[in-house]
Amino acid sequence: MLNVACIMGRLTADPELRYTQGNTAVVRITLACNRPTRTGSEEQTDFIDVTAWGKTAEFVSRYFHKGQLVAVDGSIRTGSYTDKQGIKRRTFEIWANNCHFAEPKSARSNDNNNYQGGYNDSGYSRQDNAPATSYSTGNTDAFEEIPTDDDLPF
């Protein structure tokens, strides 16, 4: 069986970190994802609920903010409940395995977000796949020379 979901969208609100009674970090966010449409028709937007747990939740609450473009992969979880009118309702959400920035740092409006990677179950990882503007245009003026590699993490 396979249950994999990968979405990219903009956060509809700032993430709010909470903790369970067992002291596990959890954050629930909603991503606004544009749905492909036929040529000439009005664009549609889906609002998809995402839940992140543990270190991933802490990462999301620390570095992400409303309006930011985010990429999430995880699995779809379903649930059900009975509303006040006695009607049985179903819920769908994605439980995040990995959360990543999906736009260049220069496009982010919050200067407090200094980390340019993402978080996955194995830890923090550098995931800046978009080519730098200066590189794609051939202009290397934006690059700094690193005099030594003593402070590099690898």
Protein backbone atom coordinates (compact mmCIF):
# COMPACT_ATOMS: atom_id res chain seq x y z
CA MET A 1 0.00 0.00 0.00
CA LEU A 2 1.12 3.53 -0.66
CA ASN A 3 0.00 6.69 1.12
CA VAL A 4 2.17 9.61 0.06
CA ALA A 5 1.18 13.24 -0.34
CA CYS A 6 3.33 16.10 -1.60
CA ILE A 7 1.92 19.63 -1.71
CA MET A 8 3.13 23.17 -2.08
CA GLY A 9 1.18 26.20 -1.01
CA ARG A 10 1.13 29.39 1.02
CA LEU A 11 0.51 29.44 4.77
CA THR A 12 -2.85 30.99 5.63
CA ALA A 13 -1.73 32.00 9.16
CA ASP A 14 1.35 32.03 11.34
CA PRO A 15 2.03 28.58 12.84
CA GLU A 16 1.19 28.21 16.52
CA LEU A 17 3.24 25.65 18.42
CA ARG A 18 1.42 23.62 21.07
CA TYR A 19 2.32 20.64 23.20
CA THR A 20 0.39 17.48 23.98
CA GLN A 21 -0.08 16.27 27.56
CA GLY A 22 2.90 14.00 26.89
CA ASN A 23 4.99 17.11 26.02
CA THR A 24 5.18 16.35 22.27
CA ALA A 25 5.34 19.42 20.05
CA VAL A 26 2.54 19.76 17.49
CA VAL A 27 1.63 22.45 14.99
CA ARG A 28 -1.39 22.58 12.70
CA ILE A 29 -1.20 24.76 9.61
CA THR A 30 -3.31 25.29 6.52
CA LEU A 31 -1.80 25.64 3.06
CA ALA A 32 -3.60 27.45 0.25
CA CYS A 33 -2.77 25.43 -2.87
CA ASN A 34 -3.71 26.52 -6.36
CA ARG A 35 -5.43 23.82 -8.36
CA PRO A 36 -4.57 23.49 -12.05
CA THR A 37 -7.50 24.50 -14.24
CA ARG A 38 -8.38 24.36 -17.89
CA THR A 39 -7.15 27.17 -20.07
CA GLY A 40 -9.31 30.24 -19.69
CA SER A 41 -11.12 29.16 -16.53
CA GLU A 42 -10.81 30.91 -13.18
CA GLU A 43 -8.09 29.60 -10.87
CA GLN A 44 -9.26 27.45 -7.96
CA THR A 45 -7.65 27.26 -4.51
CA ASP A 46 -7.78 24.32 -2.11
CA PHE A 47 -7.13 24.82 1.61
CA ILE A 48 -5.33 21.77 2.94
CA ASP A 49 -4.77 21.10 6.65
CA VAL A 50 -1.31 19.87 7.67
CA THR A 51 -0.15 18.60 11.06
CA ALA A 52 3.51 18.38 12.02
CA TRP A 53 4.86 16.67 15.12
CA GLY A 54 8.03 16.79 17.23
CA LYS A 55 11.12 18.48 15.79
CA THR A 56 9.32 19.13 12.51
CA ALA A 57 6.63 21.09 14.39
CA GLU A 58 9.28 23.11 16.23
CA PHE A 59 11.03 23.88 12.94
CA VAL A 60 7.78 25.00 11.28
CA SER A 61 6.80 27.27 14.18
CA ARG A 62 10.24 28.84 14.32
CA TYR A 63 10.94 29.55 10.64
CA PHE A 64 7.63 29.74 8.77
CA HIS A 65 5.11 32.59 8.69
CA LYS A 66 1.83 33.60 7.07
CA GLY A 67 2.00 33.95 3.29
CA GLN A 68 5.21 31.97 2.91
CA LEU A 69 5.45 29.35 0.15
CA VAL A 70 6.02 25.95 1.78
CA ALA A 71 6.54 22.43 0.42
CA VAL A 72 5.31 19.51 2.53
CA ASP A 73 5.46 15.78 2.03
CA GLY A 74 3.81 13.28 4.28
CA SER A 75 0.84 10.96 4.44
CA ILE A 76 -2.90 11.53 4.30
CA ARG A 77 -4.82 10.85 7.50
CA THR A 78 -8.58 10.60 7.74
CA GLY A 79 -10.95 10.85 10.66
CA SER A 80 -14.62 11.30 11.39
CA TYR A 81 -16.85 13.04 13.90
CA THR A 82 -20.53 13.79 14.41
CA ASP A 83 -21.44 17.48 14.23
CA LYS A 84 -23.99 19.32 16.41
CA GLN A 85 -26.82 18.39 14.03
CA GLY A 86 -25.97 14.69 14.31
CA ILE A 87 -24.46 14.46 10.82
CA LYS A 88 -21.37 12.29 10.49
CA ARG A 89 -18.49 14.24 8.93
CA ARG A 90 -15.11 13.09 7.59
CA THR A 91 -11.83 14.91 7.98
CA PHE A 92 -8.72 14.79 5.81
CA GLU A 93 -5.29 16.18 6.62
CA ILE A 94 -1.66 15.59 5.81
CA TRP A 95 0.71 14.51 8.55
CA ALA A 96 4.03 16.06 7.56
CA ASN A 97 7.22 14.05 7.32
CA ASN A 98 9.25 16.87 5.74
CA CYS A 99 8.69 20.63 5.51
CA HIS A 100 10.80 22.88 3.30
CA PHE A 101 11.02 26.47 2.14
CA ALA A 102 9.77 26.62 -1.45
CA GLU A 103 10.94 30.08 -2.46
CA PRO A 104 14.28 31.87 -2.39
CA LYS A 105 15.25 33.67 0.80
CA SER A 106 15.04 37.03 -0.99
CA ALA A 107 11.31 36.45 -1.60
CA ARG A 108 10.55 35.90 2.09
CA SER A 109 9.25 38.94 3.91
CA ASN A 110 10.32 37.95 7.44
CA ASP A 111 14.00 38.80 8.03
CA ASN A 112 14.08 36.63 11.16
CA ASN A 113 14.06 33.49 9.02
CA ASN A 114 17.78 32.91 8.63
CA TYR A 115 17.69 29.18 7.96
CA GLN A 116 17.48 28.25 4.28
CA GLY A 117 16.88 24.52 4.51
CA GLY A 118 14.15 22.29 5.79
CA TYR A 119 13.49 19.74 8.45
CA ASN A 120 12.91 16.08 7.94
CA ASP A 121 12.83 13.06 10.21
CA SER A 122 16.61 12.66 10.05
CA GLY A 123 17.29 16.28 11.09
CA TYR A 124 17.93 19.65 9.52
CA SER A 125 18.94 19.56 5.89
CA ARG A 126 19.97 22.16 3.35
CA GLN A 127 17.26 22.11 0.66
CA ASP A 128 17.73 25.25 -1.42
CA ASN A 129 17.09 23.73 -4.85
CA ALA A 130 16.19 26.93 -6.68
CA PRO A 131 19.20 28.36 -8.52
CA ALA A 132 20.41 31.70 -7.26
CA THR A 133 19.41 34.57 -9.51
CA SER A 134 23.00 35.72 -9.86
CA TYR A 135 24.09 32.23 -10.95
CA SER A 136 21.30 31.73 -13.45
CA THR A 137 22.13 35.06 -15.12
CA GLY A 138 25.87 34.42 -15.06
CA ASN A 139 26.53 37.32 -12.67
CA THR A 140 28.76 36.15 -9.83
CA ASP A 141 28.93 39.51 -7.97
CA ALA A 142 26.48 38.27 -5.31
CA PHE A 143 28.78 35.42 -4.23
CA GLU A 144 31.20 35.84 -1.36
CA GLU A 145 34.56 34.13 -1.24
CA ILE A 146 34.94 31.98 1.86
CA PRO A 147 38.55 32.45 3.02
CA THR A 148 38.71 29.12 4.91
CA ASP A 149 36.46 26.15 5.31
CA ASP A 150 37.02 25.89 9.09
CA ASP A 151 33.46 26.89 9.99
CA LEU A 152 31.66 24.82 7.35
CA PRO A 153 29.37 22.13 8.82
CA PHE A 154 30.73 19.35 6.57
